[in-house]
Amino acid sequence: MTIGASLRQPEPSREAISAAAKEPSLIALRTALAKFASETFGQVGIVLHLAGHIIGPDRTLGASPFGHGSDEVVAISMLLRIASQLVSASADLFSDGRPYAAAALVRQIVEVEYLAWAFESRDRDAERWLRSNEQERQNFFKPAKLRKAAQGKFRSKDYGYHCELGGHPVPKAAILLAGDPAISQLLLSDLLGHVGRIWDHLVGWAELRKLSCPPQPST
């Protein structure tokens, strides 16, 4: 369920959602899960950066402009480290009572999810992204371009809700400035949903690359 959809529920459903959103034990659980996700993304990103810089054919072949062993692996590591900071910062902002600023970061998490899908689903997109210039990113990696390429997996309407609820300075931001803690928790729940899908895409990417590796010689 999107944030926009949840806000349009009949009154009893809205009350139930609001009560669950403000339940202290669930607030603590969501916050802890966001912290865990941020730390996991950051730690895995660091390991992948080291591995991608050292291991792989790109440096030997002269294919990496940066001297990495694998630009693809380094791109994945960068996406994870970006996501780590976005998740941590947005969760902190929600907890501190600054939901508008937090919501702006949630929109960026949505864009990270789009990229994670592309890196898993489209061969060599990760290294293309890492090596891209601004014009190439406009042509291949803009959110609208990735939504179109995903053929219905991502809805522009959902992305539009995030733009309206913090991505851009528009009057609808008033709902975030009213101080309702339930709204912050609904957005934090939405953030965690995107976090789970990002992780799934990156695990899928890792599994595909493992399957494509030649069998190791027996010892």
N, C-alpha and C. Protein backbone atom coordinates (compact mmCIF):
# COMPACT_ATOMS: atom_id res chain seq x y z
N MET A 1 0.84 -1.19 0.00
CA MET A 1 0.00 0.00 0.00
C MET A 1 0.88 1.24 0.00
N THR A 2 0.56 2.19 -0.87
CA THR A 2 1.33 3.43 -0.89
C THR A 2 0.84 4.36 0.20
N ILE A 3 1.68 5.36 0.50
CA ILE A 3 1.28 6.36 1.49
C ILE A 3 0.02 7.08 1.04
N GLY A 4 -0.01 7.44 -0.26
CA GLY A 4 -1.18 8.14 -0.76
C GLY A 4 -2.43 7.31 -0.62
N ALA A 5 -2.32 5.99 -0.90
CA ALA A 5 -3.49 5.12 -0.79
C ALA A 5 -3.93 4.99 0.65
N SER A 6 -2.98 4.86 1.57
CA SER A 6 -3.34 4.69 2.98
C SER A 6 -4.06 5.92 3.52
N LEU A 7 -3.70 7.10 3.02
CA LEU A 7 -4.34 8.32 3.50
C LEU A 7 -5.76 8.48 2.98
N ARG A 8 -6.14 7.67 1.97
CA ARG A 8 -7.49 7.76 1.42
C ARG A 8 -8.40 6.63 1.92
N GLN A 9 -7.98 5.86 2.90
CA GLN A 9 -8.78 4.75 3.40
C GLN A 9 -10.03 5.27 4.12
N PRO A 10 -11.11 4.43 4.17
CA PRO A 10 -12.29 4.81 4.96
C PRO A 10 -11.90 5.08 6.40
N GLU A 11 -12.73 5.83 7.09
CA GLU A 11 -12.38 6.34 8.41
C GLU A 11 -11.95 5.25 9.41
N PRO A 12 -12.67 4.11 9.52
CA PRO A 12 -12.22 3.08 10.48
C PRO A 12 -10.82 2.56 10.16
N SER A 13 -10.53 2.36 8.89
CA SER A 13 -9.21 1.87 8.50
C SER A 13 -8.14 2.90 8.81
N ARG A 14 -8.46 4.15 8.60
CA ARG A 14 -7.50 5.20 8.91
C ARG A 14 -7.21 5.24 10.40
N GLU A 15 -8.23 5.03 11.22
CA GLU A 15 -8.02 5.04 12.67
C GLU A 15 -7.14 3.87 13.09
N ALA A 16 -7.39 2.70 12.48
CA ALA A 16 -6.58 1.52 12.81
C ALA A 16 -5.14 1.72 12.39
N ILE A 17 -4.95 2.28 11.20
CA ILE A 17 -3.60 2.54 10.71
C ILE A 17 -2.89 3.54 11.61
N SER A 18 -3.61 4.59 12.00
CA SER A 18 -3.02 5.62 12.86
C SER A 18 -2.62 5.04 14.20
N ALA A 19 -3.48 4.17 14.76
CA ALA A 19 -3.17 3.57 16.06
C ALA A 19 -1.93 2.69 15.97
N ALA A 20 -1.83 1.90 14.91
CA ALA A 20 -0.66 1.05 14.73
C ALA A 20 0.59 1.88 14.50
N ALA A 21 0.44 2.98 13.75
CA ALA A 21 1.59 3.84 13.47
C ALA A 21 2.15 4.46 14.73
N LYS A 22 1.28 4.75 15.70
CA LYS A 22 1.72 5.44 16.92
C LYS A 22 2.00 4.50 18.09
N GLU A 23 1.88 3.19 17.88
CA GLU A 23 2.17 2.22 18.93
C GLU A 23 3.66 2.27 19.27
N PRO A 24 4.03 2.59 20.53
CA PRO A 24 5.44 2.79 20.88
C PRO A 24 6.34 1.60 20.55
N SER A 25 5.85 0.38 20.79
CA SER A 25 6.70 -0.78 20.51
C SER A 25 6.99 -0.92 19.02
N LEU A 26 6.00 -0.58 18.19
CA LEU A 26 6.19 -0.66 16.75
C LEU A 26 7.08 0.47 16.24
N ILE A 27 6.97 1.64 16.86
CA ILE A 27 7.87 2.74 16.50
C ILE A 27 9.30 2.35 16.77
N ALA A 28 9.54 1.75 17.94
CA ALA A 28 10.90 1.32 18.28
C ALA A 28 11.40 0.26 17.31
N LEU A 29 10.51 -0.64 16.91
CA LEU A 29 10.89 -1.70 15.97
C LEU A 29 11.25 -1.14 14.60
N ARG A 30 10.44 -0.20 14.11
CA ARG A 30 10.73 0.41 12.81
C ARG A 30 12.06 1.15 12.84
N THR A 31 12.28 1.89 13.90
CA THR A 31 13.53 2.65 14.03
C THR A 31 14.73 1.72 14.08
N ALA A 32 14.61 0.65 14.84
CA ALA A 32 15.71 -0.32 14.95
C ALA A 32 15.97 -1.00 13.61
N LEU A 33 14.90 -1.31 12.88
CA LEU A 33 15.06 -1.95 11.58
C LEU A 33 15.74 -1.02 10.59
N ALA A 34 15.38 0.26 10.63
CA ALA A 34 16.04 1.23 9.75
C ALA A 34 17.53 1.34 10.08
N LYS A 35 17.86 1.36 11.37
CA LYS A 35 19.27 1.41 11.77
C LYS A 35 20.02 0.17 11.30
N PHE A 36 19.40 -1.00 11.48
CA PHE A 36 20.02 -2.25 11.06
C PHE A 36 20.25 -2.25 9.55
N ALA A 37 19.24 -1.81 8.80
CA ALA A 37 19.36 -1.78 7.34
C ALA A 37 20.48 -0.84 6.91
N SER A 38 20.53 0.34 7.54
CA SER A 38 21.57 1.30 7.19
C SER A 38 22.95 0.74 7.45
N GLU A 39 23.12 0.11 8.62
CA GLU A 39 24.43 -0.45 8.95
C GLU A 39 24.81 -1.60 8.01
N THR A 40 23.84 -2.43 7.67
CA THR A 40 24.10 -3.55 6.76
C THR A 40 24.48 -3.04 5.38
N PHE A 41 23.72 -2.09 4.87
CA PHE A 41 24.05 -1.52 3.55
C PHE A 41 25.46 -0.94 3.57
N GLY A 42 25.77 -0.19 4.62
CA GLY A 42 27.08 0.45 4.69
C GLY A 42 28.21 -0.55 4.76
N GLN A 43 28.06 -1.58 5.61
CA GLN A 43 29.12 -2.56 5.77
C GLN A 43 29.34 -3.39 4.50
N VAL A 44 28.23 -3.84 3.90
CA VAL A 44 28.37 -4.61 2.66
C VAL A 44 28.94 -3.73 1.55
N GLY A 45 28.53 -2.46 1.52
CA GLY A 45 29.06 -1.55 0.52
C GLY A 45 30.56 -1.38 0.62
N ILE A 46 31.08 -1.28 1.83
CA ILE A 46 32.53 -1.13 2.03
C ILE A 46 33.27 -2.37 1.55
N VAL A 47 32.74 -3.54 1.91
CA VAL A 47 33.39 -4.79 1.49
C VAL A 47 33.39 -4.92 -0.03
N LEU A 48 32.26 -4.60 -0.65
CA LEU A 48 32.18 -4.70 -2.11
C LEU A 48 33.09 -3.69 -2.80
N HIS A 49 33.23 -2.50 -2.19
CA HIS A 49 34.13 -1.52 -2.80
C HIS A 49 35.56 -2.04 -2.81
N LEU A 50 36.00 -2.62 -1.71
CA LEU A 50 37.35 -3.16 -1.65
C LEU A 50 37.52 -4.30 -2.64
N ALA A 51 36.53 -5.21 -2.68
CA ALA A 51 36.61 -6.33 -3.61
C ALA A 51 36.59 -5.85 -5.06
N GLY A 52 35.70 -4.91 -5.35
CA GLY A 52 35.58 -4.43 -6.73
C GLY A 52 36.78 -3.65 -7.21
N HIS A 53 37.46 -3.00 -6.27
CA HIS A 53 38.66 -2.27 -6.67
C HIS A 53 39.82 -3.22 -6.96
N ILE A 54 39.90 -4.31 -6.20
CA ILE A 54 41.05 -5.21 -6.32
C ILE A 54 40.83 -6.30 -7.34
N ILE A 55 39.63 -6.90 -7.34
CA ILE A 55 39.38 -8.11 -8.12
C ILE A 55 38.57 -7.78 -9.38
N GLY A 56 38.96 -8.40 -10.49
CA GLY A 56 38.21 -8.25 -11.72
C GLY A 56 39.10 -7.87 -12.88
N PRO A 57 38.58 -7.98 -14.11
CA PRO A 57 39.40 -7.78 -15.30
C PRO A 57 39.48 -6.35 -15.81
N ASP A 58 38.66 -5.45 -15.28
CA ASP A 58 38.54 -4.14 -15.92
C ASP A 58 39.84 -3.35 -15.93
N ARG A 59 40.58 -3.40 -14.85
CA ARG A 59 41.84 -2.65 -14.79
C ARG A 59 42.85 -3.22 -15.79
N THR A 60 42.97 -4.55 -15.83
CA THR A 60 43.92 -5.18 -16.75
C THR A 60 43.57 -4.88 -18.20
N LEU A 61 42.27 -4.87 -18.50
CA LEU A 61 41.83 -4.61 -19.88
C LEU A 61 41.82 -3.13 -20.23
N GLY A 62 42.05 -2.27 -19.24
CA GLY A 62 42.00 -0.84 -19.48
C GLY A 62 40.58 -0.32 -19.66
N ALA A 63 39.59 -1.09 -19.15
CA ALA A 63 38.19 -0.72 -19.35
C ALA A 63 37.68 0.24 -18.29
N SER A 64 38.31 0.25 -17.11
CA SER A 64 37.83 1.11 -16.02
C SER A 64 38.55 2.45 -16.05
N PRO A 65 37.82 3.54 -16.19
CA PRO A 65 38.46 4.86 -16.15
C PRO A 65 39.05 5.18 -14.77
N PHE A 66 38.67 4.40 -13.76
CA PHE A 66 39.06 4.69 -12.39
C PHE A 66 40.13 3.73 -11.87
N GLY A 67 40.50 2.74 -12.68
CA GLY A 67 41.49 1.77 -12.25
C GLY A 67 40.94 0.69 -11.34
N HIS A 68 39.61 0.44 -11.41
CA HIS A 68 39.02 -0.62 -10.60
C HIS A 68 39.17 -1.97 -11.29
N GLY A 69 39.15 -3.02 -10.47
CA GLY A 69 39.10 -4.35 -11.05
C GLY A 69 37.75 -4.65 -11.68
N SER A 70 36.68 -4.17 -11.05
CA SER A 70 35.32 -4.37 -11.58
C SER A 70 34.49 -3.12 -11.31
N ASP A 71 34.22 -2.35 -12.34
CA ASP A 71 33.38 -1.17 -12.18
C ASP A 71 31.96 -1.56 -11.77
N GLU A 72 31.49 -2.72 -12.21
CA GLU A 72 30.15 -3.17 -11.85
C GLU A 72 30.03 -3.36 -10.34
N VAL A 73 30.99 -4.05 -9.75
CA VAL A 73 30.95 -4.30 -8.31
C VAL A 73 31.09 -2.99 -7.53
N VAL A 74 31.96 -2.11 -8.00
CA VAL A 74 32.12 -0.81 -7.32
C VAL A 74 30.84 0.01 -7.42
N ALA A 75 30.13 -0.07 -8.55
CA ALA A 75 28.86 0.64 -8.68
C ALA A 75 27.84 0.14 -7.67
N ILE A 76 27.75 -1.18 -7.51
CA ILE A 76 26.84 -1.74 -6.52
C ILE A 76 27.22 -1.27 -5.11
N SER A 77 28.52 -1.24 -4.84
CA SER A 77 28.97 -0.79 -3.52
C SER A 77 28.59 0.66 -3.28
N MET A 78 28.70 1.48 -4.30
CA MET A 78 28.35 2.89 -4.15
C MET A 78 26.86 3.07 -3.90
N LEU A 79 26.04 2.28 -4.63
CA LEU A 79 24.59 2.39 -4.44
C LEU A 79 24.21 1.98 -3.02
N LEU A 80 24.85 0.95 -2.49
CA LEU A 80 24.57 0.52 -1.13
C LEU A 80 24.97 1.59 -0.12
N ARG A 81 26.12 2.21 -0.33
CA ARG A 81 26.58 3.23 0.63
C ARG A 81 25.72 4.49 0.56
N ILE A 82 25.24 4.83 -0.64
CA ILE A 82 24.29 5.94 -0.77
C ILE A 82 23.02 5.61 0.00
N ALA A 83 22.50 4.41 -0.22
CA ALA A 83 21.27 3.99 0.45
C ALA A 83 21.46 3.99 1.97
N SER A 84 22.62 3.56 2.43
CA SER A 84 22.90 3.53 3.86
C SER A 84 22.71 4.91 4.48
N GLN A 85 23.30 5.92 3.87
CA GLN A 85 23.19 7.27 4.43
C GLN A 85 21.77 7.81 4.34
N LEU A 86 21.08 7.53 3.24
CA LEU A 86 19.71 8.01 3.09
C LEU A 86 18.79 7.39 4.14
N VAL A 87 18.92 6.09 4.36
CA VAL A 87 18.06 5.41 5.33
C VAL A 87 18.33 5.94 6.74
N SER A 88 19.61 6.04 7.09
CA SER A 88 19.96 6.53 8.43
C SER A 88 19.47 7.95 8.66
N ALA A 89 19.74 8.81 7.69
CA ALA A 89 19.36 10.22 7.86
C ALA A 89 17.86 10.40 7.89
N SER A 90 17.14 9.71 7.02
CA SER A 90 15.68 9.88 7.01
C SER A 90 15.06 9.35 8.30
N ALA A 91 15.53 8.22 8.79
CA ALA A 91 15.00 7.69 10.05
C ALA A 91 15.27 8.66 11.20
N ASP A 92 16.47 9.24 11.23
CA ASP A 92 16.79 10.22 12.27
C ASP A 92 15.88 11.44 12.19
N LEU A 93 15.63 11.90 10.97
CA LEU A 93 14.77 13.08 10.79
C LEU A 93 13.33 12.80 11.20
N PHE A 94 12.84 11.62 10.89
CA PHE A 94 11.50 11.26 11.35
C PHE A 94 11.45 11.26 12.89
N SER A 95 12.46 10.67 13.51
CA SER A 95 12.50 10.60 14.97
C SER A 95 12.61 11.98 15.61
N ASP A 96 13.30 12.90 14.93
CA ASP A 96 13.52 14.24 15.46
C ASP A 96 12.36 15.19 15.20
N GLY A 97 11.33 14.70 14.51
CA GLY A 97 10.17 15.55 14.25
C GLY A 97 10.34 16.47 13.06
N ARG A 98 11.13 16.04 12.07
CA ARG A 98 11.30 16.82 10.84
C ARG A 98 10.88 15.98 9.64
N PRO A 99 9.59 15.67 9.54
CA PRO A 99 9.14 14.72 8.52
C PRO A 99 9.26 15.23 7.08
N TYR A 100 9.17 16.56 6.90
CA TYR A 100 9.29 17.06 5.52
C TYR A 100 10.68 16.78 4.97
N ALA A 101 11.70 17.08 5.76
CA ALA A 101 13.07 16.82 5.33
C ALA A 101 13.29 15.32 5.13
N ALA A 102 12.72 14.51 6.03
CA ALA A 102 12.86 13.06 5.91
C ALA A 102 12.21 12.56 4.63
N ALA A 103 11.03 13.10 4.31
CA ALA A 103 10.30 12.65 3.13
C ALA A 103 11.07 12.94 1.85
N ALA A 104 11.82 14.05 1.84
CA ALA A 104 12.63 14.35 0.66
C ALA A 104 13.68 13.25 0.42
N LEU A 105 14.20 12.69 1.51
CA LEU A 105 15.18 11.61 1.38
C LEU A 105 14.52 10.29 0.98
N VAL A 106 13.28 10.08 1.41
CA VAL A 106 12.57 8.87 1.01
C VAL A 106 12.40 8.85 -0.51
N ARG A 107 12.13 10.01 -1.10
CA ARG A 107 12.01 10.04 -2.57
C ARG A 107 13.32 9.59 -3.23
N GLN A 108 14.45 9.96 -2.65
CA GLN A 108 15.72 9.52 -3.20
C GLN A 108 15.91 8.01 -3.05
N ILE A 109 15.38 7.46 -1.95
CA ILE A 109 15.44 6.01 -1.77
C ILE A 109 14.65 5.31 -2.88
N VAL A 110 13.53 5.89 -3.29
CA VAL A 110 12.76 5.33 -4.41
C VAL A 110 13.63 5.28 -5.66
N GLU A 111 14.40 6.32 -5.90
CA GLU A 111 15.27 6.34 -7.07
C GLU A 111 16.40 5.31 -6.95
N VAL A 112 16.88 5.09 -5.74
CA VAL A 112 17.87 4.03 -5.52
C VAL A 112 17.25 2.67 -5.86
N GLU A 113 15.99 2.48 -5.49
CA GLU A 113 15.32 1.21 -5.83
C GLU A 113 15.25 1.03 -7.34
N TYR A 114 14.94 2.08 -8.08
CA TYR A 114 14.91 1.98 -9.54
C TYR A 114 16.28 1.53 -10.07
N LEU A 115 17.34 2.13 -9.56
CA LEU A 115 18.67 1.76 -10.01
C LEU A 115 19.02 0.33 -9.63
N ALA A 116 18.63 -0.07 -8.42
CA ALA A 116 18.90 -1.45 -8.00
C ALA A 116 18.21 -2.44 -8.93
N TRP A 117 16.99 -2.12 -9.34
CA TRP A 117 16.29 -2.97 -10.31
C TRP A 117 17.07 -3.03 -11.63
N ALA A 118 17.50 -1.87 -12.10
CA ALA A 118 18.23 -1.82 -13.37
C ALA A 118 19.53 -2.61 -13.30
N PHE A 119 20.24 -2.48 -12.19
CA PHE A 119 21.52 -3.18 -12.06
C PHE A 119 21.32 -4.70 -12.04
N GLU A 120 20.20 -5.14 -11.46
CA GLU A 120 19.91 -6.58 -11.46
C GLU A 120 19.42 -7.05 -12.82
N SER A 121 18.56 -6.26 -13.46
CA SER A 121 17.80 -6.75 -14.61
C SER A 121 18.46 -6.48 -15.95
N ARG A 122 19.28 -5.45 -16.03
CA ARG A 122 19.84 -5.07 -17.34
C ARG A 122 21.35 -5.24 -17.30
N ASP A 123 21.83 -6.10 -18.15
CA ASP A 123 23.24 -6.47 -18.16
C ASP A 123 24.12 -5.24 -18.36
N ARG A 124 25.10 -5.10 -17.49
CA ARG A 124 26.13 -4.06 -17.56
C ARG A 124 25.64 -2.66 -17.22
N ASP A 125 24.40 -2.54 -16.74
CA ASP A 125 23.91 -1.21 -16.37
C ASP A 125 24.69 -0.60 -15.22
N ALA A 126 25.15 -1.43 -14.29
CA ALA A 126 25.87 -0.89 -13.13
C ALA A 126 27.17 -0.22 -13.58
N GLU A 127 27.93 -0.89 -14.41
CA GLU A 127 29.18 -0.28 -14.86
C GLU A 127 28.91 0.90 -15.80
N ARG A 128 27.85 0.82 -16.58
CA ARG A 128 27.48 1.95 -17.44
C ARG A 128 27.16 3.17 -16.60
N TRP A 129 26.42 2.95 -15.51
CA TRP A 129 26.06 4.06 -14.61
C TRP A 129 27.31 4.67 -13.98
N LEU A 130 28.23 3.82 -13.50
CA LEU A 130 29.43 4.33 -12.84
C LEU A 130 30.27 5.16 -13.80
N ARG A 131 30.31 4.76 -15.05
CA ARG A 131 31.15 5.44 -16.04
C ARG A 131 30.42 6.59 -16.75
N SER A 132 29.16 6.81 -16.43
CA SER A 132 28.34 7.75 -17.20
C SER A 132 28.67 9.20 -16.89
N ASN A 133 28.40 10.05 -17.88
CA ASN A 133 28.42 11.49 -17.65
C ASN A 133 26.98 11.97 -17.46
N GLU A 134 26.81 13.25 -17.25
CA GLU A 134 25.47 13.77 -16.94
C GLU A 134 24.50 13.49 -18.08
N GLN A 135 24.92 13.69 -19.32
CA GLN A 135 24.02 13.47 -20.45
C GLN A 135 23.61 12.01 -20.56
N GLU A 136 24.54 11.12 -20.34
CA GLU A 136 24.22 9.69 -20.40
C GLU A 136 23.25 9.30 -19.29
N ARG A 137 23.40 9.88 -18.11
CA ARG A 137 22.45 9.58 -17.04
C ARG A 137 21.06 10.11 -17.37
N GLN A 138 21.00 11.26 -18.03
CA GLN A 138 19.71 11.78 -18.47
C GLN A 138 19.05 10.84 -19.48
N ASN A 139 19.86 10.25 -20.33
CA ASN A 139 19.33 9.38 -21.39
C ASN A 139 18.93 8.00 -20.89
N PHE A 140 19.63 7.49 -19.88
CA PHE A 140 19.44 6.10 -19.49
C PHE A 140 18.90 5.90 -18.07
N PHE A 141 19.17 6.83 -17.17
CA PHE A 141 18.92 6.54 -15.75
C PHE A 141 17.99 7.52 -15.05
N LYS A 142 17.35 8.42 -15.77
CA LYS A 142 16.33 9.26 -15.14
C LYS A 142 15.19 8.38 -14.61
N PRO A 143 14.56 8.76 -13.52
CA PRO A 143 13.48 7.93 -12.98
C PRO A 143 12.41 7.58 -14.02
N ALA A 144 12.01 8.55 -14.82
CA ALA A 144 10.97 8.28 -15.83
C ALA A 144 11.45 7.25 -16.85
N LYS A 145 12.72 7.32 -17.22
CA LYS A 145 13.28 6.36 -18.18
C LYS A 145 13.28 4.96 -17.58
N LEU A 146 13.67 4.84 -16.32
CA LEU A 146 13.73 3.53 -15.69
C LEU A 146 12.33 2.97 -15.47
N ARG A 147 11.36 3.82 -15.11
CA ARG A 147 9.98 3.33 -14.97
C ARG A 147 9.46 2.78 -16.30
N LYS A 148 9.75 3.47 -17.37
CA LYS A 148 9.31 3.00 -18.69
C LYS A 148 9.98 1.68 -19.04
N ALA A 149 11.27 1.57 -18.76
CA ALA A 149 12.00 0.34 -19.06
C ALA A 149 11.49 -0.83 -18.23
N ALA A 150 11.01 -0.55 -17.01
CA ALA A 150 10.55 -1.60 -16.12
C ALA A 150 9.17 -2.14 -16.51
N GLN A 151 8.50 -1.48 -17.46
CA GLN A 151 7.24 -1.97 -18.04
C GLN A 151 6.18 -2.27 -16.98
N GLY A 152 5.92 -1.29 -16.14
CA GLY A 152 4.84 -1.41 -15.18
C GLY A 152 5.24 -1.84 -13.79
N LYS A 153 6.48 -2.21 -13.59
CA LYS A 153 6.91 -2.61 -12.25
C LYS A 153 6.81 -1.44 -11.27
N PHE A 154 7.13 -0.24 -11.74
CA PHE A 154 7.04 0.96 -10.91
C PHE A 154 5.97 1.88 -11.49
N ARG A 155 5.15 2.44 -10.62
CA ARG A 155 4.07 3.31 -11.08
C ARG A 155 4.48 4.77 -10.91
N SER A 156 4.28 5.54 -11.96
CA SER A 156 4.61 6.96 -11.87
C SER A 156 3.74 7.64 -10.81
N LYS A 157 2.53 7.11 -10.58
CA LYS A 157 1.65 7.69 -9.56
C LYS A 157 2.27 7.59 -8.18
N ASP A 158 2.91 6.45 -7.88
CA ASP A 158 3.55 6.29 -6.58
C ASP A 158 4.72 7.26 -6.42
N TYR A 159 5.51 7.39 -7.48
CA TYR A 159 6.63 8.33 -7.44
C TYR A 159 6.10 9.75 -7.25
N GLY A 160 4.97 10.04 -7.90
CA GLY A 160 4.38 11.36 -7.77
C GLY A 160 3.98 11.68 -6.34
N TYR A 161 3.49 10.67 -5.59
CA TYR A 161 3.15 10.91 -4.18
C TYR A 161 4.38 11.35 -3.40
N HIS A 162 5.50 10.71 -3.66
CA HIS A 162 6.72 11.07 -2.93
C HIS A 162 7.18 12.49 -3.31
N CYS A 163 7.00 12.85 -4.57
CA CYS A 163 7.35 14.22 -4.97
C CYS A 163 6.46 15.24 -4.28
N GLU A 164 5.18 14.91 -4.14
CA GLU A 164 4.23 15.83 -3.51
C GLU A 164 4.41 15.89 -2.00
N LEU A 165 4.86 14.78 -1.40
CA LEU A 165 4.96 14.72 0.06
C LEU A 165 6.35 15.02 0.58
N GLY A 166 7.15 15.73 -0.18
CA GLY A 166 8.45 16.11 0.33
C GLY A 166 9.52 16.26 -0.72
N GLY A 167 9.26 15.72 -1.90
CA GLY A 167 10.27 15.82 -2.94
C GLY A 167 10.42 17.21 -3.51
N HIS A 168 9.29 17.94 -3.52
CA HIS A 168 9.31 19.31 -4.04
C HIS A 168 8.56 20.22 -3.06
N PRO A 169 8.90 21.50 -3.02
CA PRO A 169 8.18 22.42 -2.13
C PRO A 169 6.81 22.78 -2.72
N VAL A 170 5.80 22.03 -2.34
CA VAL A 170 4.43 22.25 -2.84
C VAL A 170 3.49 22.35 -1.64
N PRO A 171 2.28 22.92 -1.84
CA PRO A 171 1.36 23.12 -0.71
C PRO A 171 0.98 21.84 0.02
N LYS A 172 0.97 20.71 -0.68
CA LYS A 172 0.59 19.46 -0.02
C LYS A 172 1.54 19.11 1.12
N ALA A 173 2.69 19.75 1.16
CA ALA A 173 3.62 19.51 2.26
C ALA A 173 3.02 19.88 3.61
N ALA A 174 1.92 20.61 3.60
CA ALA A 174 1.28 21.00 4.87
C ALA A 174 0.96 19.80 5.74
N ILE A 175 0.66 18.66 5.10
CA ILE A 175 0.32 17.46 5.88
C ILE A 175 1.52 16.99 6.71
N LEU A 176 2.73 17.29 6.22
CA LEU A 176 3.94 16.90 6.94
C LEU A 176 4.34 17.93 7.99
N LEU A 177 3.82 19.12 7.87
CA LEU A 177 4.17 20.19 8.81
C LEU A 177 3.19 20.27 9.98
N ALA A 178 2.14 19.44 9.94
CA ALA A 178 1.10 19.52 10.96
C ALA A 178 1.50 18.84 12.26
N GLY A 179 2.58 18.06 12.24
CA GLY A 179 3.08 17.45 13.46
C GLY A 179 2.40 16.15 13.85
N ASP A 180 1.69 15.50 12.92
CA ASP A 180 1.04 14.23 13.23
C ASP A 180 2.08 13.11 13.19
N PRO A 181 2.39 12.47 14.32
CA PRO A 181 3.41 11.43 14.33
C PRO A 181 3.03 10.22 13.49
N ALA A 182 1.74 9.99 13.29
CA ALA A 182 1.32 8.84 12.49
C ALA A 182 1.80 8.98 11.06
N ILE A 183 1.79 10.21 10.52
CA ILE A 183 2.25 10.41 9.15
C ILE A 183 3.73 10.06 9.03
N SER A 184 4.51 10.49 10.00
CA SER A 184 5.94 10.16 9.98
C SER A 184 6.15 8.66 10.00
N GLN A 185 5.38 7.96 10.82
CA GLN A 185 5.57 6.51 10.93
C GLN A 185 5.09 5.78 9.69
N LEU A 186 4.05 6.29 9.05
CA LEU A 186 3.61 5.69 7.78
C LEU A 186 4.69 5.84 6.72
N LEU A 187 5.29 7.00 6.68
CA LEU A 187 6.37 7.23 5.71
C LEU A 187 7.60 6.38 6.04
N LEU A 188 7.88 6.22 7.34
CA LEU A 188 8.99 5.36 7.73
C LEU A 188 8.71 3.91 7.33
N SER A 189 7.49 3.47 7.49
CA SER A 189 7.11 2.12 7.05
C SER A 189 7.29 1.97 5.55
N ASP A 190 6.89 3.00 4.83
CA ASP A 190 7.06 2.98 3.37
C ASP A 190 8.53 2.91 3.00
N LEU A 191 9.34 3.68 3.70
CA LEU A 191 10.79 3.65 3.49
C LEU A 191 11.33 2.23 3.66
N LEU A 192 10.89 1.55 4.72
CA LEU A 192 11.39 0.20 4.99
C LEU A 192 10.96 -0.77 3.90
N GLY A 193 9.79 -0.55 3.31
CA GLY A 193 9.39 -1.37 2.18
C GLY A 193 10.32 -1.22 1.01
N HIS A 194 10.71 0.02 0.71
CA HIS A 194 11.67 0.26 -0.38
C HIS A 194 13.03 -0.35 -0.05
N VAL A 195 13.42 -0.26 1.20
CA VAL A 195 14.70 -0.84 1.64
C VAL A 195 14.72 -2.35 1.37
N GLY A 196 13.62 -3.02 1.71
CA GLY A 196 13.56 -4.46 1.48
C GLY A 196 13.67 -4.81 0.01
N ARG A 197 13.03 -4.01 -0.84
CA ARG A 197 13.09 -4.31 -2.28
C ARG A 197 14.46 -4.00 -2.85
N ILE A 198 15.12 -2.96 -2.35
CA ILE A 198 16.50 -2.68 -2.79
C ILE A 198 17.39 -3.88 -2.47
N TRP A 199 17.28 -4.38 -1.25
CA TRP A 199 18.11 -5.52 -0.86
C TRP A 199 17.81 -6.74 -1.74
N ASP A 200 16.53 -6.98 -2.01
CA ASP A 200 16.16 -8.11 -2.86
C ASP A 200 16.79 -8.00 -4.25
N HIS A 201 16.77 -6.80 -4.81
CA HIS A 201 17.36 -6.61 -6.14
C HIS A 201 18.87 -6.86 -6.11
N LEU A 202 19.53 -6.40 -5.07
CA LEU A 202 20.98 -6.55 -5.01
C LEU A 202 21.38 -7.99 -4.71
N VAL A 203 20.56 -8.69 -3.92
CA VAL A 203 20.79 -10.12 -3.73
C VAL A 203 20.57 -10.86 -5.06
N GLY A 204 19.53 -10.46 -5.79
CA GLY A 204 19.30 -11.05 -7.11
C GLY A 204 20.46 -10.80 -8.05
N TRP A 205 20.99 -9.59 -8.02
CA TRP A 205 22.17 -9.29 -8.83
C TRP A 205 23.32 -10.21 -8.47
N ALA A 206 23.58 -10.39 -7.18
CA ALA A 206 24.69 -11.24 -6.74
C ALA A 206 24.48 -12.69 -7.17
N GLU A 207 23.26 -13.18 -7.07
CA GLU A 207 22.99 -14.55 -7.46
C GLU A 207 23.18 -14.75 -8.96
N LEU A 208 22.74 -13.79 -9.75
CA LEU A 208 22.92 -13.90 -11.20
C LEU A 208 24.39 -13.90 -11.57
N ARG A 209 25.19 -13.06 -10.93
CA ARG A 209 26.61 -13.00 -11.26
C ARG A 209 27.31 -14.28 -10.82
N LYS A 210 26.85 -14.87 -9.73
CA LYS A 210 27.43 -16.13 -9.28
C LYS A 210 27.14 -17.23 -10.28
N LEU A 211 25.91 -17.25 -10.78
CA LEU A 211 25.54 -18.28 -11.75
C LEU A 211 26.30 -18.14 -13.05
N SER A 212 26.70 -16.90 -13.37
CA SER A 212 27.39 -16.68 -14.63
C SER A 212 28.88 -16.98 -14.54
N CYS A 213 29.38 -17.22 -13.33
CA CYS A 213 30.81 -17.48 -13.17
C CYS A 213 31.14 -18.91 -13.63
N PRO A 214 32.29 -19.10 -14.23
CA PRO A 214 32.67 -20.47 -14.61
C PRO A 214 32.93 -21.30 -13.38
N PRO A 215 32.70 -22.61 -13.45
CA PRO A 215 32.94 -23.48 -12.29
C PRO A 215 34.40 -23.43 -11.89
N GLN A 216 34.64 -23.49 -10.59
CA GLN A 216 36.01 -23.46 -10.07
C GLN A 216 36.64 -24.85 -10.18
N PRO A 217 37.90 -24.94 -10.50
CA PRO A 217 38.55 -26.25 -10.59
C PRO A 217 38.59 -26.91 -9.22
N SER A 218 38.44 -28.23 -9.23
CA SER A 218 38.47 -28.97 -7.97
C SER A 218 39.90 -29.06 -7.48
N THR A 219 40.04 -29.13 -6.15
CA THR A 219 41.37 -29.22 -5.56
C THR A 219 41.64 -30.60 -5.00
